């Protein structure tokens, strides 16, 4: 149980610190703020792949999926 609390703390701290060269947030939604719709799994995976390559060419990093650029956690339960 202690490991779960540590992971929760790590995610919370990552959200507070925001994006940087070592932290990326990937949204599960797309579109204007007043008209958001779910992104396709293929689109999300392409973004993740790009971030992973960037991190591999640098000193590593962390990716949080389902988080907006401003650190807001979004919910997306059905991947397409």
PDB file of N, CA and C in Angstrom:
ATOM      1  N   UNK A   1       0.827  -1.195   0.000  1.00  0.00           N
ATOM      2  CA  UNK A   1       0.000   0.000   0.000  1.00  0.00           C
ATOM      3  C   UNK A   1       0.865   1.250   0.000  1.00  0.00           C
ATOM      4  N   UNK A   2       2.007   1.190   0.644  1.00  0.00           N
ATOM      5  CA  UNK A   2       2.892   2.351   0.711  1.00  0.00           C
ATOM      6  C   UNK A   2       3.347   2.783  -0.683  1.00  0.00           C
ATOM      7  N   UNK A   3       3.587   1.817  -1.600  1.00  0.00           N
ATOM      8  CA  UNK A   3       4.010   2.139  -2.957  1.00  0.00           C
ATOM      9  C   UNK A   3       2.939   2.933  -3.700  1.00  0.00           C
ATOM     10  N   UNK A   4       1.676   2.614  -3.464  1.00  0.00           N
ATOM     11  CA  UNK A   4       0.582   3.339  -4.112  1.00  0.00           C
ATOM     12  C   UNK A   4       0.580   4.793  -3.660  1.00  0.00           C
ATOM     13  N   UNK A   5       0.782   5.017  -2.388  1.00  0.00           N
ATOM     14  CA  UNK A   5       0.823   6.385  -1.880  1.00  0.00           C
ATOM     15  C   UNK A   5       2.010   7.140  -2.480  1.00  0.00           C
ATOM     16  N   UNK A   6       3.139   6.487  -2.624  1.00  0.00           N
ATOM     17  CA  UNK A   6       4.297   7.133  -3.220  1.00  0.00           C
ATOM     18  C   UNK A   6       4.016   7.504  -4.675  1.00  0.00           C
ATOM     19  N   UNK A   7       3.363   6.622  -5.425  1.00  0.00           N
ATOM     20  CA  UNK A   7       3.025   6.918  -6.807  1.00  0.00           C
ATOM     21  C   UNK A   7       2.051   8.090  -6.884  1.00  0.00           C
ATOM     22  N   UNK A   8       1.066   8.103  -6.001  1.00  0.00           N
ATOM     23  CA  UNK A   8       0.109   9.209  -5.960  1.00  0.00           C
ATOM     24  C   UNK A   8       0.821  10.530  -5.688  1.00  0.00           C
ATOM     25  N   UNK A   9       1.738  10.517  -4.750  1.00  0.00           N
ATOM     26  CA  UNK A   9       2.508  11.729  -4.452  1.00  0.00           C
ATOM     27  C   UNK A   9       3.355  12.159  -5.639  1.00  0.00           C
ATOM     28  N   UNK A  10       3.949  11.201  -6.315  1.00  0.00           N
ATOM     29  CA  UNK A  10       4.784  11.520  -7.476  1.00  0.00           C
ATOM     30  C   UNK A  10       3.951  12.156  -8.590  1.00  0.00           C
ATOM     31  N   UNK A  11       2.777  11.610  -8.847  1.00  0.00           N
ATOM     32  CA  UNK A  11       1.896  12.174  -9.879  1.00  0.00           C
ATOM     33  C   UNK A  11       1.447  13.569  -9.473  1.00  0.00           C
ATOM     34  N   UNK A  12       1.065  13.742  -8.227  1.00  0.00           N
ATOM     35  CA  UNK A  12       0.628  15.058  -7.733  1.00  0.00           C
ATOM     36  C   UNK A  12       1.741  16.099  -7.921  1.00  0.00           C
ATOM     37  N   UNK A  13       2.960  15.729  -7.565  1.00  0.00           N
ATOM     38  CA  UNK A  13       4.098  16.642  -7.726  1.00  0.00           C
ATOM     39  C   UNK A  13       4.366  16.953  -9.194  1.00  0.00           C
ATOM     40  N   UNK A  14       4.240  15.949 -10.047  1.00  0.00           N
ATOM     41  CA  UNK A  14       4.439  16.159 -11.485  1.00  0.00           C
ATOM     42  C   UNK A  14       3.408  17.139 -12.033  1.00  0.00           C
ATOM     43  N   UNK A  15       2.168  17.005 -11.596  1.00  0.00           N
ATOM     44  CA  UNK A  15       1.117  17.928 -12.039  1.00  0.00           C
ATOM     45  C   UNK A  15       1.406  19.353 -11.572  1.00  0.00           C
ATOM     46  N   UNK A  16       1.885  19.492 -10.354  1.00  0.00           N
ATOM     47  CA  UNK A  16       2.201  20.822  -9.807  1.00  0.00           C
ATOM     48  C   UNK A  16       3.362  21.452 -10.569  1.00  0.00           C
ATOM     49  N   UNK A  17       4.386  20.663 -10.874  1.00  0.00           N
ATOM     50  CA  UNK A  17       5.566  21.178 -11.579  1.00  0.00           C
ATOM     51  C   UNK A  17       5.250  21.553 -13.019  1.00  0.00           C
ATOM     52  N   UNK A  18       4.303  20.872 -13.637  1.00  0.00           N
ATOM     53  CA  UNK A  18       3.919  21.173 -15.011  1.00  0.00           C
ATOM     54  C   UNK A  18       4.862  20.569 -16.032  1.00  0.00           C
ATOM     55  N   UNK A  19       4.584  20.868 -17.290  1.00  0.00           N
ATOM     56  CA  UNK A  19       5.387  20.315 -18.384  1.00  0.00           C
ATOM     57  C   UNK A  19       6.758  20.987 -18.450  1.00  0.00           C
ATOM     58  N   UNK A  20       7.723  20.212 -18.944  1.00  0.00           N
ATOM     59  CA  UNK A  20       9.078  20.720 -19.138  1.00  0.00           C
ATOM     60  C   UNK A  20       9.766  19.811 -20.142  1.00  0.00           C
ATOM     61  N   UNK A  21      11.085  19.924 -20.243  1.00  0.00           N
ATOM     62  CA  UNK A  21      11.843  19.043 -21.134  1.00  0.00           C
ATOM     63  C   UNK A  21      11.804  17.600 -20.661  1.00  0.00           C
ATOM     64  N   UNK A  22      11.444  17.393 -19.397  1.00  0.00           N
ATOM     65  CA  UNK A  22      11.433  16.061 -18.809  1.00  0.00           C
ATOM     66  C   UNK A  22      10.044  15.568 -18.422  1.00  0.00           C
ATOM     67  N   UNK A  23       9.011  16.377 -18.651  1.00  0.00           N
ATOM     68  CA  UNK A  23       7.642  16.008 -18.306  1.00  0.00           C
ATOM     69  C   UNK A  23       6.715  16.409 -19.445  1.00  0.00           C
ATOM     70  N   UNK A  24       5.896  15.459 -19.896  1.00  0.00           N
ATOM     71  CA  UNK A  24       4.924  15.707 -20.950  1.00  0.00           C
ATOM     72  C   UNK A  24       3.546  15.269 -20.487  1.00  0.00           C
ATOM     73  N   UNK A  25       2.542  16.082 -20.779  1.00  0.00           N
ATOM     74  CA  UNK A  25       1.156  15.723 -20.533  1.00  0.00           C
ATOM     75  C   UNK A  25       0.504  15.470 -21.888  1.00  0.00           C
ATOM     76  N   UNK A  26      -0.233  14.390 -22.008  1.00  0.00           N
ATOM     77  CA  UNK A  26      -0.923  14.048 -23.247  1.00  0.00           C
ATOM     78  C   UNK A  26      -2.421  13.951 -22.982  1.00  0.00           C
ATOM     79  N   UNK A  27      -3.162  14.792 -23.644  1.00  0.00           N
ATOM     80  CA  UNK A  27      -4.608  14.835 -23.473  1.00  0.00           C
ATOM     81  C   UNK A  27      -5.281  13.676 -24.198  1.00  0.00           C
ATOM     82  N   UNK A  28      -6.400  13.231 -23.680  1.00  0.00           N
ATOM     83  CA  UNK A  28      -7.215  12.218 -24.338  1.00  0.00           C
ATOM     84  C   UNK A  28      -8.350  12.870 -25.120  1.00  0.00           C
ATOM     85  N   UNK A  29      -8.348  14.209 -25.163  1.00  0.00           N
ATOM     86  CA  UNK A  29      -9.410  14.962 -25.828  1.00  0.00           C
ATOM     87  C   UNK A  29      -8.820  15.893 -26.876  1.00  0.00           C
ATOM     88  N   UNK A  30      -9.641  16.307 -27.829  1.00  0.00           N
ATOM     89  CA  UNK A  30      -9.210  17.264 -28.842  1.00  0.00           C
ATOM     90  C   UNK A  30     -10.351  18.216 -29.155  1.00  0.00           C
ATOM     91  N   UNK A  31     -10.004  19.326 -29.767  1.00  0.00           N
ATOM     92  CA  UNK A  31     -11.020  20.298 -30.149  1.00  0.00           C
ATOM     93  C   UNK A  31     -10.976  21.552 -29.299  1.00  0.00           C
ATOM     94  N   UNK A  32     -11.863  22.478 -29.650  1.00  0.00           N
ATOM     95  CA  UNK A  32     -11.961  23.725 -28.900  1.00  0.00           C
ATOM     96  C   UNK A  32     -12.425  23.445 -27.474  1.00  0.00           C
ATOM     97  N   UNK A  33     -12.083  24.331 -26.546  1.00  0.00           N
ATOM     98  CA  UNK A  33     -12.473  24.118 -25.144  1.00  0.00           C
ATOM     99  C   UNK A  33     -13.976  23.915 -24.946  1.00  0.00           C
ATOM    100  N   UNK A  34     -14.803  24.560 -25.779  1.00  0.00           N
ATOM    101  CA  UNK A  34     -16.247  24.422 -25.616  1.00  0.00           C
ATOM    102  C   UNK A  34     -16.831  23.264 -26.423  1.00  0.00           C
ATOM    103  N   UNK A  35     -15.967  22.531 -27.148  1.00  0.00           N
ATOM    104  CA  UNK A  35     -16.450  21.430 -27.987  1.00  0.00           C
ATOM    105  C   UNK A  35     -15.419  20.303 -28.033  1.00  0.00           C
ATOM    106  N   UNK A  36     -15.063  19.758 -26.876  1.00  0.00           N
ATOM    107  CA  UNK A  36     -14.063  18.697 -26.803  1.00  0.00           C
ATOM    108  C   UNK A  36     -14.673  17.358 -27.187  1.00  0.00           C
ATOM    109  N   UNK A  37     -13.873  16.534 -27.872  1.00  0.00           N
ATOM    110  CA  UNK A  37     -14.299  15.176 -28.198  1.00  0.00           C
ATOM    111  C   UNK A  37     -13.114  14.239 -27.983  1.00  0.00           C
ATOM    112  N   UNK A  38     -13.373  12.961 -27.756  1.00  0.00           N
ATOM    113  CA  UNK A  38     -12.289  12.011 -27.501  1.00  0.00           C
ATOM    114  C   UNK A  38     -11.368  11.870 -28.720  1.00  0.00           C
ATOM    115  N   UNK A  39     -10.071  11.784 -28.451  1.00  0.00           N
ATOM    116  CA  UNK A  39      -9.095  11.521 -29.511  1.00  0.00           C
ATOM    117  C   UNK A  39      -9.089  10.027 -29.795  1.00  0.00           C
ATOM    118  N   UNK A  40      -8.644   9.655 -30.979  1.00  0.00           N
ATOM    119  CA  UNK A  40      -8.514   8.241 -31.295  1.00  0.00           C
ATOM    120  C   UNK A  40      -7.285   7.670 -30.602  1.00  0.00           C
ATOM    121  N   UNK A  41      -7.309   6.387 -30.344  1.00  0.00           N
ATOM    122  CA  UNK A  41      -6.170   5.724 -29.721  1.00  0.00           C
ATOM    123  C   UNK A  41      -4.931   5.885 -30.588  1.00  0.00           C
ATOM    124  N   UNK A  42      -5.100   5.800 -31.893  1.00  0.00           N
ATOM    125  CA  UNK A  42      -3.981   5.942 -32.822  1.00  0.00           C
ATOM    126  C   UNK A  42      -3.306   7.299 -32.666  1.00  0.00           C
ATOM    127  N   UNK A  43      -4.080   8.345 -32.525  1.00  0.00           N
ATOM    128  CA  UNK A  43      -3.544   9.692 -32.359  1.00  0.00           C
ATOM    129  C   UNK A  43      -2.795   9.837 -31.039  1.00  0.00           C
ATOM    130  N   UNK A  44      -3.365   9.294 -29.985  1.00  0.00           N
ATOM    131  CA  UNK A  44      -2.711   9.354 -28.673  1.00  0.00           C
ATOM    132  C   UNK A  44      -1.400   8.581 -28.709  1.00  0.00           C
ATOM    133  N   UNK A  45      -1.417   7.395 -29.315  1.00  0.00           N
ATOM    134  CA  UNK A  45      -0.205   6.569 -29.404  1.00  0.00           C
ATOM    135  C   UNK A  45       0.887   7.257 -30.213  1.00  0.00           C
ATOM    136  N   UNK A  46       0.513   7.969 -31.268  1.00  0.00           N
ATOM    137  CA  UNK A  46       1.505   8.705 -32.070  1.00  0.00           C
ATOM    138  C   UNK A  46       2.184   9.780 -31.223  1.00  0.00           C
ATOM    139  N   UNK A  47       1.408  10.489 -30.420  1.00  0.00           N
ATOM    140  CA  UNK A  47       1.977  11.508 -29.525  1.00  0.00           C
ATOM    141  C   UNK A  47       2.901  10.886 -28.478  1.00  0.00           C
ATOM    142  N   UNK A  48       2.495   9.745 -27.942  1.00  0.00           N
ATOM    143  CA  UNK A  48       3.320   9.059 -26.946  1.00  0.00           C
ATOM    144  C   UNK A  48       4.631   8.609 -27.571  1.00  0.00           C
ATOM    145  N   UNK A  49       4.567   8.040 -28.777  1.00  0.00           N
ATOM    146  CA  UNK A  49       5.773   7.605 -29.476  1.00  0.00           C
ATOM    147  C   UNK A  49       6.733   8.743 -29.709  1.00  0.00           C
ATOM    148  N   UNK A  50       6.212   9.877 -30.126  1.00  0.00           N
ATOM    149  CA  UNK A  50       7.050  11.053 -30.364  1.00  0.00           C
ATOM    150  C   UNK A  50       7.740  11.512 -29.070  1.00  0.00           C
ATOM    151  N   UNK A  51       6.999  11.520 -27.983  1.00  0.00           N
ATOM    152  CA  UNK A  51       7.575  11.925 -26.695  1.00  0.00           C
ATOM    153  C   UNK A  51       8.636  10.933 -26.238  1.00  0.00           C
ATOM    154  N   UNK A  52       8.373   9.645 -26.434  1.00  0.00           N
ATOM    155  CA  UNK A  52       9.344   8.627 -26.035  1.00  0.00           C
ATOM    156  C   UNK A  52      10.653   8.767 -26.804  1.00  0.00           C
ATOM    157  N   UNK A  53      10.565   9.042 -28.096  1.00  0.00           N
ATOM    158  CA  UNK A  53      11.773   9.244 -28.895  1.00  0.00           C
ATOM    159  C   UNK A  53      12.532  10.473 -28.400  1.00  0.00           C
ATOM    160  N   UNK A  54      11.819  11.530 -28.090  1.00  0.00           N
ATOM    161  CA  UNK A  54      12.461  12.737 -27.558  1.00  0.00           C
ATOM    162  C   UNK A  54      13.172  12.442 -26.245  1.00  0.00           C
ATOM    163  N   UNK A  55      12.505  11.718 -25.365  1.00  0.00           N
ATOM    164  CA  UNK A  55      13.117  11.377 -24.078  1.00  0.00           C
ATOM    165  C   UNK A  55      14.314  10.452 -24.261  1.00  0.00           C
ATOM    166  N   UNK A  56      14.232   9.534 -25.227  1.00  0.00           N
ATOM    167  CA  UNK A  56      15.345   8.609 -25.483  1.00  0.00           C
ATOM    168  C   UNK A  56      16.569   9.348 -25.990  1.00  0.00           C
ATOM    169  N   UNK A  57      16.355  10.448 -26.699  1.00  0.00           N
ATOM    170  CA  UNK A  57      17.462  11.243 -27.226  1.00  0.00           C
ATOM    171  C   UNK A  57      17.983  12.256 -26.212  1.00  0.00           C
ATOM    172  N   UNK A  58      17.362  12.303 -25.058  1.00  0.00           N
ATOM    173  CA  UNK A  58      17.776  13.243 -24.002  1.00  0.00           C
ATOM    174  C   UNK A  58      18.148  12.435 -22.757  1.00  0.00           C
ATOM    175  N   UNK A  59      17.728  12.905 -21.613  1.00  0.00           N
ATOM    176  CA  UNK A  59      18.039  12.241 -20.349  1.00  0.00           C
ATOM    177  C   UNK A  59      16.828  11.564 -19.724  1.00  0.00           C
ATOM    178  N   UNK A  60      15.864  11.157 -20.544  1.00  0.00           N
ATOM    179  CA  UNK A  60      14.670  10.498 -20.026  1.00  0.00           C
ATOM    180  C   UNK A  60      13.583  11.488 -19.684  1.00  0.00           C
ATOM    181  N   UNK A  61      12.501  10.988 -19.114  1.00  0.00           N
ATOM    182  CA  UNK A  61      11.402  11.857 -18.753  1.00  0.00           C
ATOM    183  C   UNK A  61      10.184  11.066 -18.328  1.00  0.00           C
ATOM    184  N   UNK A  62       9.090  11.763 -18.118  1.00  0.00           N
ATOM    185  CA  UNK A  62       7.833  11.151 -17.678  1.00  0.00           C
ATOM    186  C   UNK A  62       6.692  11.653 -18.555  1.00  0.00           C
ATOM    187  N   UNK A  63       5.774  10.749 -18.881  1.00  0.00           N
ATOM    188  CA  UNK A  63       4.594  11.099 -19.665  1.00  0.00           C
ATOM    189  C   UNK A  63       3.366  10.766 -18.825  1.00  0.00           C
ATOM    190  N   UNK A  64       2.471  11.735 -18.697  1.00  0.00           N
ATOM    191  CA  UNK A  64       1.186  11.491 -18.043  1.00  0.00           C
ATOM    192  C   UNK A  64       0.102  11.579 -19.108  1.00  0.00           C
ATOM    193  N   UNK A  65      -0.619  10.504 -19.300  1.00  0.00           N
ATOM    194  CA  UNK A  65      -1.671  10.438 -20.318  1.00  0.00           C
ATOM    195  C   UNK A  65      -3.004  10.739 -19.653  1.00  0.00           C
ATOM    196  N   UNK A  66      -3.824  11.538 -20.324  1.00  0.00           N
ATOM    197  CA  UNK A  66      -5.101  11.934 -19.753  1.00  0.00           C
ATOM    198  C   UNK A  66      -4.993  13.197 -18.923  1.00  0.00           C
ATOM    199  N   UNK A  67      -3.963  14.003 -19.228  1.00  0.00           N
ATOM    200  CA  UNK A  67      -3.741  15.260 -18.526  1.00  0.00           C
ATOM    201  C   UNK A  67      -3.609  16.375 -19.555  1.00  0.00           C
ATOM    202  N   UNK A  68      -4.328  17.465 -19.337  1.00  0.00           N
ATOM    203  CA  UNK A  68      -4.255  18.614 -20.233  1.00  0.00           C
ATOM    204  C   UNK A  68      -2.955  19.386 -20.001  1.00  0.00           C
ATOM    205  N   UNK A  69      -2.604  20.269 -20.932  1.00  0.00           N
ATOM    206  CA  UNK A  69      -1.376  21.057 -20.818  1.00  0.00           C
ATOM    207  C   UNK A  69      -1.321  21.881 -19.533  1.00  0.00           C
ATOM    208  N   UNK A  70      -2.490  22.283 -19.025  1.00  0.00           N
ATOM    209  CA  UNK A  70      -2.516  23.090 -17.797  1.00  0.00           C
ATOM    210  C   UNK A  70      -2.481  22.234 -16.529  1.00  0.00           C
ATOM    211  N   UNK A  71      -2.366  20.905 -16.682  1.00  0.00           N
ATOM    212  CA  UNK A  71      -2.293  20.017 -15.534  1.00  0.00           C
ATOM    213  C   UNK A  71      -3.620  19.458 -15.080  1.00  0.00           C
ATOM    214  N   UNK A  72      -4.704  19.808 -15.762  1.00  0.00           N
ATOM    215  CA  UNK A  72      -6.019  19.296 -15.430  1.00  0.00           C
ATOM    216  C   UNK A  72      -6.129  17.832 -15.864  1.00  0.00           C
ATOM    217  N   UNK A  73      -6.582  16.979 -14.963  1.00  0.00           N
ATOM    218  CA  UNK A  73      -6.768  15.573 -15.290  1.00  0.00           C
ATOM    219  C   UNK A  73      -8.097  15.415 -16.014  1.00  0.00           C
ATOM    220  N   UNK A  74      -8.065  14.746 -17.162  1.00  0.00           N
ATOM    221  CA  UNK A  74      -9.292  14.497 -17.935  1.00  0.00           C
ATOM    222  C   UNK A  74      -9.636  13.030 -17.865  1.00  0.00           C
ATOM    223  N   UNK A  75     -10.873  12.733 -18.071  1.00  0.00           N
ATOM    224  CA  UNK A  75     -11.340  11.351 -18.010  1.00  0.00           C
ATOM    225  C   UNK A  75     -11.678  10.875 -19.414  1.00  0.00           C
ATOM    226  N   UNK A  76     -11.209   9.707 -19.731  1.00  0.00           N
ATOM    227  CA  UNK A  76     -11.497   9.112 -21.038  1.00  0.00           C
ATOM    228  C   UNK A  76     -11.488   7.608 -20.840  1.00  0.00           C
ATOM    229  N   UNK A  77     -12.656   7.028 -20.686  1.00  0.00           N
ATOM    230  CA  UNK A  77     -12.720   5.625 -20.303  1.00  0.00           C
ATOM    231  C   UNK A  77     -12.857   4.664 -21.474  1.00  0.00           C
ATOM    232  N   UNK A  78     -13.248   5.137 -22.645  1.00  0.00           N
ATOM    233  CA  UNK A  78     -13.455   4.249 -23.779  1.00  0.00           C
ATOM    234  C   UNK A  78     -12.517   4.636 -24.913  1.00  0.00           C
ATOM    235  N   UNK A  79     -11.459   3.876 -25.086  1.00  0.00           N
ATOM    236  CA  UNK A  79     -10.536   4.140 -26.192  1.00  0.00           C
ATOM    237  C   UNK A  79     -11.095   3.558 -27.476  1.00  0.00           C
ATOM    238  N   UNK A  80     -10.865   4.270 -28.592  1.00  0.00           N
ATOM    239  CA  UNK A  80     -11.359   3.829 -29.886  1.00  0.00           C
ATOM    240  C   UNK A  80     -10.203   3.364 -30.735  1.00  0.00           C
TER     241      UNK A  80
END
